[in-house]
């Protein structure tokens, strides 16, 4: 699948603020890398969980400002607000031949904003786990 088509599918889910569309975009063995966790997170369900939490934490104010498109990948520069702090960062996304995301890496700056993202993501992931246990 053309990376422009795969990227358009990603933007459609983000624009709708609807994490229910994520599983169809993520490959079974996808990997998620974040400055908020020390090790790569592997598997569709795990990646969907992290991206769902990110939709809640970053999503309401998230805007993509620039993007660079490669043959099977894209780098998306974003801006958001978390805990009253301006957050800037990039999403680096790689797709397989079927247009499913196989690697999703996030980088966030400045350090104070990253700390806020870590705190809010941790709280949201915990809330999600507790809700799943009910």
Protein backbone atom coordinates (compact mmCIF):
# COMPACT_ATOMS: atom_id res chain seq x y z
CA UNK A 1 0.00 0.00 0.00
CA UNK A 2 1.20 3.48 -0.83
CA UNK A 3 2.42 5.33 2.28
CA UNK A 4 0.27 8.36 1.40
CA UNK A 5 -2.83 6.13 1.57
CA UNK A 6 -1.67 4.57 4.85
CA UNK A 7 -0.99 8.04 6.27
CA UNK A 8 -4.44 9.24 5.19
CA UNK A 9 -5.98 6.30 7.09
CA UNK A 10 -4.01 7.36 10.21
CA UNK A 11 -5.14 10.99 9.87
CA UNK A 12 -8.77 9.90 9.46
CA UNK A 13 -8.69 8.03 12.80
CA UNK A 14 -6.90 10.92 14.54
CA UNK A 15 -9.28 13.52 13.09
CA UNK A 16 -12.29 11.53 14.36
CA UNK A 17 -10.67 11.19 17.83
CA UNK A 18 -11.94 7.62 17.68
CA UNK A 19 -9.56 4.96 19.00
CA UNK A 20 -12.00 2.26 17.85
CA UNK A 21 -10.44 2.65 14.40
CA UNK A 22 -6.93 1.83 15.65
CA UNK A 23 -6.94 -2.00 15.59
CA UNK A 24 -7.50 -2.06 11.82
CA UNK A 25 -4.41 0.14 11.35
CA UNK A 26 -1.99 -1.81 13.56
CA UNK A 27 -0.11 -4.97 12.53
CA UNK A 28 -0.29 -7.98 14.86
CA UNK A 29 3.43 -7.73 15.73
CA UNK A 30 3.65 -3.92 15.81
CA UNK A 31 6.10 -2.15 18.11
CA UNK A 32 5.48 1.08 20.04
CA UNK A 33 8.40 3.14 21.34
CA UNK A 34 7.90 6.07 23.65
CA UNK A 35 10.03 8.26 25.88
CA UNK A 36 7.48 7.47 28.60
CA UNK A 37 8.46 3.77 28.77
CA UNK A 38 11.91 2.23 28.82
CA UNK A 39 11.33 -0.79 26.60
CA UNK A 40 9.58 -1.24 23.26
CA UNK A 41 5.96 -2.31 23.67
CA UNK A 42 5.10 -5.19 21.32
CA UNK A 43 1.84 -6.50 19.89
CA UNK A 44 -1.33 -5.04 18.41
CA UNK A 45 -3.31 -4.96 21.66
CA UNK A 46 -0.48 -3.27 23.55
CA UNK A 47 0.16 -0.70 20.81
CA UNK A 48 -3.57 0.03 20.53
CA UNK A 49 -3.69 0.50 24.31
CA UNK A 50 -0.85 3.02 24.32
CA UNK A 51 -2.23 4.91 21.33
CA UNK A 52 -5.70 4.95 22.89
CA UNK A 53 -4.24 6.48 26.05
CA UNK A 54 -2.34 8.99 23.91
CA UNK A 55 -5.60 9.98 22.18
CA UNK A 56 -7.01 10.82 25.61
CA UNK A 57 -3.91 12.61 26.92
CA UNK A 58 -2.67 14.40 23.78
CA UNK A 59 -5.62 14.14 21.43
CA UNK A 60 -7.92 17.01 22.38
CA UNK A 61 -5.26 19.64 21.58
CA UNK A 62 -3.15 17.60 19.12
CA UNK A 63 -2.34 19.24 15.82
CA UNK A 64 0.08 18.00 13.22
CA UNK A 65 2.14 20.91 11.92
CA UNK A 66 4.46 19.29 9.35
CA UNK A 67 5.06 15.89 7.85
CA UNK A 68 7.72 14.11 5.86
CA UNK A 69 6.67 11.08 3.84
CA UNK A 70 8.92 8.20 2.85
CA UNK A 71 8.28 5.07 0.81
CA UNK A 72 7.00 3.08 3.81
CA UNK A 73 7.12 5.65 6.59
CA UNK A 74 6.31 9.15 7.75
CA UNK A 75 7.52 11.61 10.35
CA UNK A 76 4.78 13.84 11.74
CA UNK A 77 5.65 16.91 13.79
CA UNK A 78 2.94 17.66 16.36
CA UNK A 79 2.01 20.14 19.02
CA UNK A 80 -0.34 19.65 21.94
CA UNK A 81 -0.95 20.74 25.53
CA UNK A 82 -0.79 18.56 28.62
CA UNK A 83 -1.22 19.82 32.16
CA UNK A 84 -1.04 23.41 30.99
CA UNK A 85 2.31 22.84 29.27
CA UNK A 86 3.03 23.15 25.56
CA UNK A 87 4.20 19.81 24.18
CA UNK A 88 5.99 19.39 20.89
CA UNK A 89 7.17 16.19 19.36
CA UNK A 90 7.23 13.82 16.46
CA UNK A 91 5.55 10.56 15.57
CA UNK A 92 7.66 8.28 13.36
CA UNK A 93 5.43 5.69 11.73
CA UNK A 94 6.44 2.74 9.54
CA UNK A 95 3.97 0.62 7.55
CA UNK A 96 4.16 -2.85 6.05
CA UNK A 97 3.17 -3.70 2.47
CA UNK A 98 -0.49 -3.98 3.56
CA UNK A 99 -0.48 -0.46 5.01
CA UNK A 100 -0.58 -1.61 8.62
CA UNK A 101 1.57 0.17 11.18
CA UNK A 102 4.53 -2.02 12.21
CA UNK A 103 6.51 0.57 14.15
CA UNK A 104 5.35 3.70 15.96
CA UNK A 105 7.97 5.82 17.72
CA UNK A 106 7.19 8.99 19.66
CA UNK A 107 9.62 11.69 20.73
CA UNK A 108 8.53 14.57 23.00
CA UNK A 109 10.12 17.80 24.18
CA UNK A 110 10.83 19.84 26.30
CA UNK A 111 11.73 17.76 29.33
CA UNK A 112 9.14 19.41 31.57
CA UNK A 113 6.41 18.65 29.03
CA UNK A 114 7.67 15.07 28.69
CA UNK A 115 7.34 14.65 32.46
CA UNK A 116 3.74 15.87 32.26
CA UNK A 117 3.03 13.44 29.41
CA UNK A 118 4.55 10.56 31.43
CA UNK A 119 2.39 11.41 34.46
CA UNK A 120 -0.83 11.79 32.46
CA UNK A 121 -0.18 8.70 30.32
CA UNK A 122 0.52 6.62 33.44
CA UNK A 123 -2.72 7.77 35.03
CA UNK A 124 -4.70 7.08 31.85
CA UNK A 125 -3.18 3.61 31.35
CA UNK A 126 -3.97 2.76 34.99
CA UNK A 127 -7.55 3.99 34.53
CA UNK A 128 -7.88 1.84 31.40
CA UNK A 129 -6.55 -1.24 33.20
CA UNK A 130 -8.92 -0.72 36.12
CA UNK A 131 -11.87 -0.23 33.75
CA UNK A 132 -10.96 -3.45 31.91
CA UNK A 133 -10.88 -5.33 35.21
CA UNK A 134 -14.43 -4.31 36.15
